[in-house]
């Protein structure tokens, strides 16, 4: 594995996958540079590179909208520093919508 590439997977569920062409899992190879790949940067990258429309339903500023649960390797991101968590090779990041229509 090249040291200049960060390989992670991102998963969408609970309805969040609708915003990503109903694709639930994406394997990413992110180019490393002088900036840290933290969750803040990943969320912005997802918004700018994976979403075609309705970006406001996923991201708010440099974080996710309220109602989206974020897990990193099955751990709530609140325990990891939220957007400050620095991604590592092999991380699995889950975005789960907790908002449901009714």
C-alpha atoms as a PDB file:
ATOM      1  CA  UNK A   1       0.000   0.000   0.000  1.00  0.00           C
ATOM      2  CA  UNK A   2       1.400   3.334  -1.022  1.00  0.00           C
ATOM      3  CA  UNK A   3       2.133   5.697   1.864  1.00  0.00           C
ATOM      4  CA  UNK A   4       0.879   8.694  -0.138  1.00  0.00           C
ATOM      5  CA  UNK A   5      -2.681   7.321  -0.362  1.00  0.00           C
ATOM      6  CA  UNK A   6      -5.235   6.953   2.420  1.00  0.00           C
ATOM      7  CA  UNK A   7      -7.638   4.050   1.813  1.00  0.00           C
ATOM      8  CA  UNK A   8     -10.936   4.136   3.692  1.00  0.00           C
ATOM      9  CA  UNK A   9     -14.524   3.068   3.124  1.00  0.00           C
ATOM     10  CA  UNK A  10     -17.598   5.176   3.692  1.00  0.00           C
ATOM     11  CA  UNK A  11     -21.082   3.778   4.221  1.00  0.00           C
ATOM     12  CA  UNK A  12     -24.488   5.460   4.034  1.00  0.00           C
ATOM     13  CA  UNK A  13     -27.700   4.081   5.538  1.00  0.00           C
ATOM     14  CA  UNK A  14     -30.980   4.994   7.206  1.00  0.00           C
ATOM     15  CA  UNK A  15     -31.965   6.911   4.081  1.00  0.00           C
ATOM     16  CA  UNK A  16     -28.696   8.836   3.669  1.00  0.00           C
ATOM     17  CA  UNK A  17     -27.818   6.558   0.732  1.00  0.00           C
ATOM     18  CA  UNK A  18     -30.572   8.246  -1.313  1.00  0.00           C
ATOM     19  CA  UNK A  19     -28.328  11.312  -1.514  1.00  0.00           C
ATOM     20  CA  UNK A  20     -25.585   9.150  -3.076  1.00  0.00           C
ATOM     21  CA  UNK A  21     -27.436   7.420  -5.933  1.00  0.00           C
ATOM     22  CA  UNK A  22     -28.563   4.671  -3.520  1.00  0.00           C
ATOM     23  CA  UNK A  23     -24.986   3.412  -3.277  1.00  0.00           C
ATOM     24  CA  UNK A  24     -24.432   2.377   0.317  1.00  0.00           C
ATOM     25  CA  UNK A  25     -20.679   1.686   0.286  1.00  0.00           C
ATOM     26  CA  UNK A  26     -17.854   3.631  -1.357  1.00  0.00           C
ATOM     27  CA  UNK A  27     -14.200   2.616  -1.298  1.00  0.00           C
ATOM     28  CA  UNK A  28     -11.995   5.727  -1.348  1.00  0.00           C
ATOM     29  CA  UNK A  29      -8.323   6.280  -2.095  1.00  0.00           C
ATOM     30  CA  UNK A  30      -7.555   9.797  -0.922  1.00  0.00           C
ATOM     31  CA  UNK A  31      -4.329  11.479  -1.896  1.00  0.00           C
ATOM     32  CA  UNK A  32      -2.252  12.494   1.121  1.00  0.00           C
ATOM     33  CA  UNK A  33      -0.763  15.978   1.092  1.00  0.00           C
ATOM     34  CA  UNK A  34       0.323  18.587   3.635  1.00  0.00           C
ATOM     35  CA  UNK A  35      -3.189  18.752   5.117  1.00  0.00           C
ATOM     36  CA  UNK A  36      -4.562  16.246   7.600  1.00  0.00           C
ATOM     37  CA  UNK A  37      -7.360  13.952   6.450  1.00  0.00           C
ATOM     38  CA  UNK A  38      -9.738  14.408   9.341  1.00  0.00           C
ATOM     39  CA  UNK A  39     -13.511  13.953   9.367  1.00  0.00           C
ATOM     40  CA  UNK A  40     -14.012  17.675   8.714  1.00  0.00           C
ATOM     41  CA  UNK A  41     -12.041  17.439   5.480  1.00  0.00           C
ATOM     42  CA  UNK A  42     -13.713  14.142   4.534  1.00  0.00           C
ATOM     43  CA  UNK A  43     -17.217  15.584   4.942  1.00  0.00           C
ATOM     44  CA  UNK A  44     -16.298  18.531   2.695  1.00  0.00           C
ATOM     45  CA  UNK A  45     -14.719  16.149   0.162  1.00  0.00           C
ATOM     46  CA  UNK A  46     -17.840  13.953   0.135  1.00  0.00           C
ATOM     47  CA  UNK A  47     -20.075  16.994  -0.354  1.00  0.00           C
ATOM     48  CA  UNK A  48     -17.932  18.337  -3.204  1.00  0.00           C
ATOM     49  CA  UNK A  49     -17.095  15.047  -4.946  1.00  0.00           C
ATOM     50  CA  UNK A  50     -19.818  12.474  -4.281  1.00  0.00           C
ATOM     51  CA  UNK A  51     -23.011  14.533  -4.164  1.00  0.00           C
ATOM     52  CA  UNK A  52     -24.752  15.768  -7.273  1.00  0.00           C
ATOM     53  CA  UNK A  53     -27.545  17.693  -5.552  1.00  0.00           C
ATOM     54  CA  UNK A  54     -29.251  18.438  -2.226  1.00  0.00           C
ATOM     55  CA  UNK A  55     -25.930  18.881  -0.432  1.00  0.00           C
ATOM     56  CA  UNK A  56     -27.697  20.786   2.336  1.00  0.00           C
ATOM     57  CA  UNK A  57     -29.394  17.538   3.391  1.00  0.00           C
ATOM     58  CA  UNK A  58     -26.013  16.013   4.263  1.00  0.00           C
ATOM     59  CA  UNK A  59     -23.611  18.782   5.249  1.00  0.00           C
ATOM     60  CA  UNK A  60     -23.958  21.915   7.323  1.00  0.00           C
ATOM     61  CA  UNK A  61     -20.824  24.046   7.343  1.00  0.00           C
ATOM     62  CA  UNK A  62     -17.869  21.726   7.866  1.00  0.00           C
ATOM     63  CA  UNK A  63     -19.896  19.030   9.621  1.00  0.00           C
ATOM     64  CA  UNK A  64     -22.946  16.869   8.973  1.00  0.00           C
ATOM     65  CA  UNK A  65     -26.515  18.021   9.478  1.00  0.00           C
ATOM     66  CA  UNK A  66     -28.210  17.274  12.781  1.00  0.00           C
ATOM     67  CA  UNK A  67     -29.877  13.870  12.534  1.00  0.00           C
ATOM     68  CA  UNK A  68     -26.936  12.102  10.908  1.00  0.00           C
ATOM     69  CA  UNK A  69     -25.128   9.687  13.190  1.00  0.00           C
ATOM     70  CA  UNK A  70     -21.432   9.238  12.383  1.00  0.00           C
ATOM     71  CA  UNK A  71     -19.534   6.107  13.394  1.00  0.00           C
ATOM     72  CA  UNK A  72     -15.851   5.398  12.809  1.00  0.00           C
ATOM     73  CA  UNK A  73     -15.010   1.714  13.071  1.00  0.00           C
ATOM     74  CA  UNK A  74     -18.328   1.239  14.942  1.00  0.00           C
ATOM     75  CA  UNK A  75     -17.480   3.957  17.496  1.00  0.00           C
ATOM     76  CA  UNK A  76     -19.595   7.105  17.840  1.00  0.00           C
ATOM     77  CA  UNK A  77     -17.589  10.056  16.592  1.00  0.00           C
ATOM     78  CA  UNK A  78     -18.502  11.981  19.771  1.00  0.00           C
ATOM     79  CA  UNK A  79     -16.005   9.746  21.570  1.00  0.00           C
ATOM     80  CA  UNK A  80     -13.323  10.402  18.935  1.00  0.00           C
ATOM     81  CA  UNK A  81     -13.400  14.197  18.748  1.00  0.00           C
ATOM     82  CA  UNK A  82     -16.048  14.513  16.016  1.00  0.00           C
ATOM     83  CA  UNK A  83     -14.707  16.424  12.998  1.00  0.00           C
ATOM     84  CA  UNK A  84     -11.192  16.548  14.476  1.00  0.00           C
ATOM     85  CA  UNK A  85     -10.715  12.773  14.262  1.00  0.00           C
ATOM     86  CA  UNK A  86      -7.738  12.021  12.008  1.00  0.00           C
ATOM     87  CA  UNK A  87      -8.493   9.233   9.552  1.00  0.00           C
ATOM     88  CA  UNK A  88      -6.275   6.142   9.342  1.00  0.00           C
ATOM     89  CA  UNK A  89      -5.819   3.567   6.601  1.00  0.00           C
ATOM     90  CA  UNK A  90      -8.591   0.999   6.717  1.00  0.00           C
ATOM     91  CA  UNK A  91     -11.065   3.157   8.642  1.00  0.00           C
ATOM     92  CA  UNK A  92     -14.751   2.521   8.013  1.00  0.00           C
ATOM     93  CA  UNK A  93     -16.895   5.624   8.380  1.00  0.00           C
ATOM     94  CA  UNK A  94     -20.677   5.204   8.591  1.00  0.00           C
ATOM     95  CA  UNK A  95     -23.174   8.007   8.052  1.00  0.00           C
ATOM     96  CA  UNK A  96     -26.604   6.939   9.301  1.00  0.00           C
ATOM     97  CA  UNK A  97     -29.653   9.154   8.944  1.00  0.00           C
ATOM     98  CA  UNK A  98     -31.879   9.112  12.009  1.00  0.00           C
ATOM     99  CA  UNK A  99     -34.509  11.330  10.386  1.00  0.00           C
ATOM    100  CA  UNK A 100     -37.471   9.592   8.847  1.00  0.00           C
ATOM    101  CA  UNK A 101     -40.489  11.033   7.100  1.00  0.00           C
ATOM    102  CA  UNK A 102     -43.927  10.361   8.421  1.00  0.00           C
END
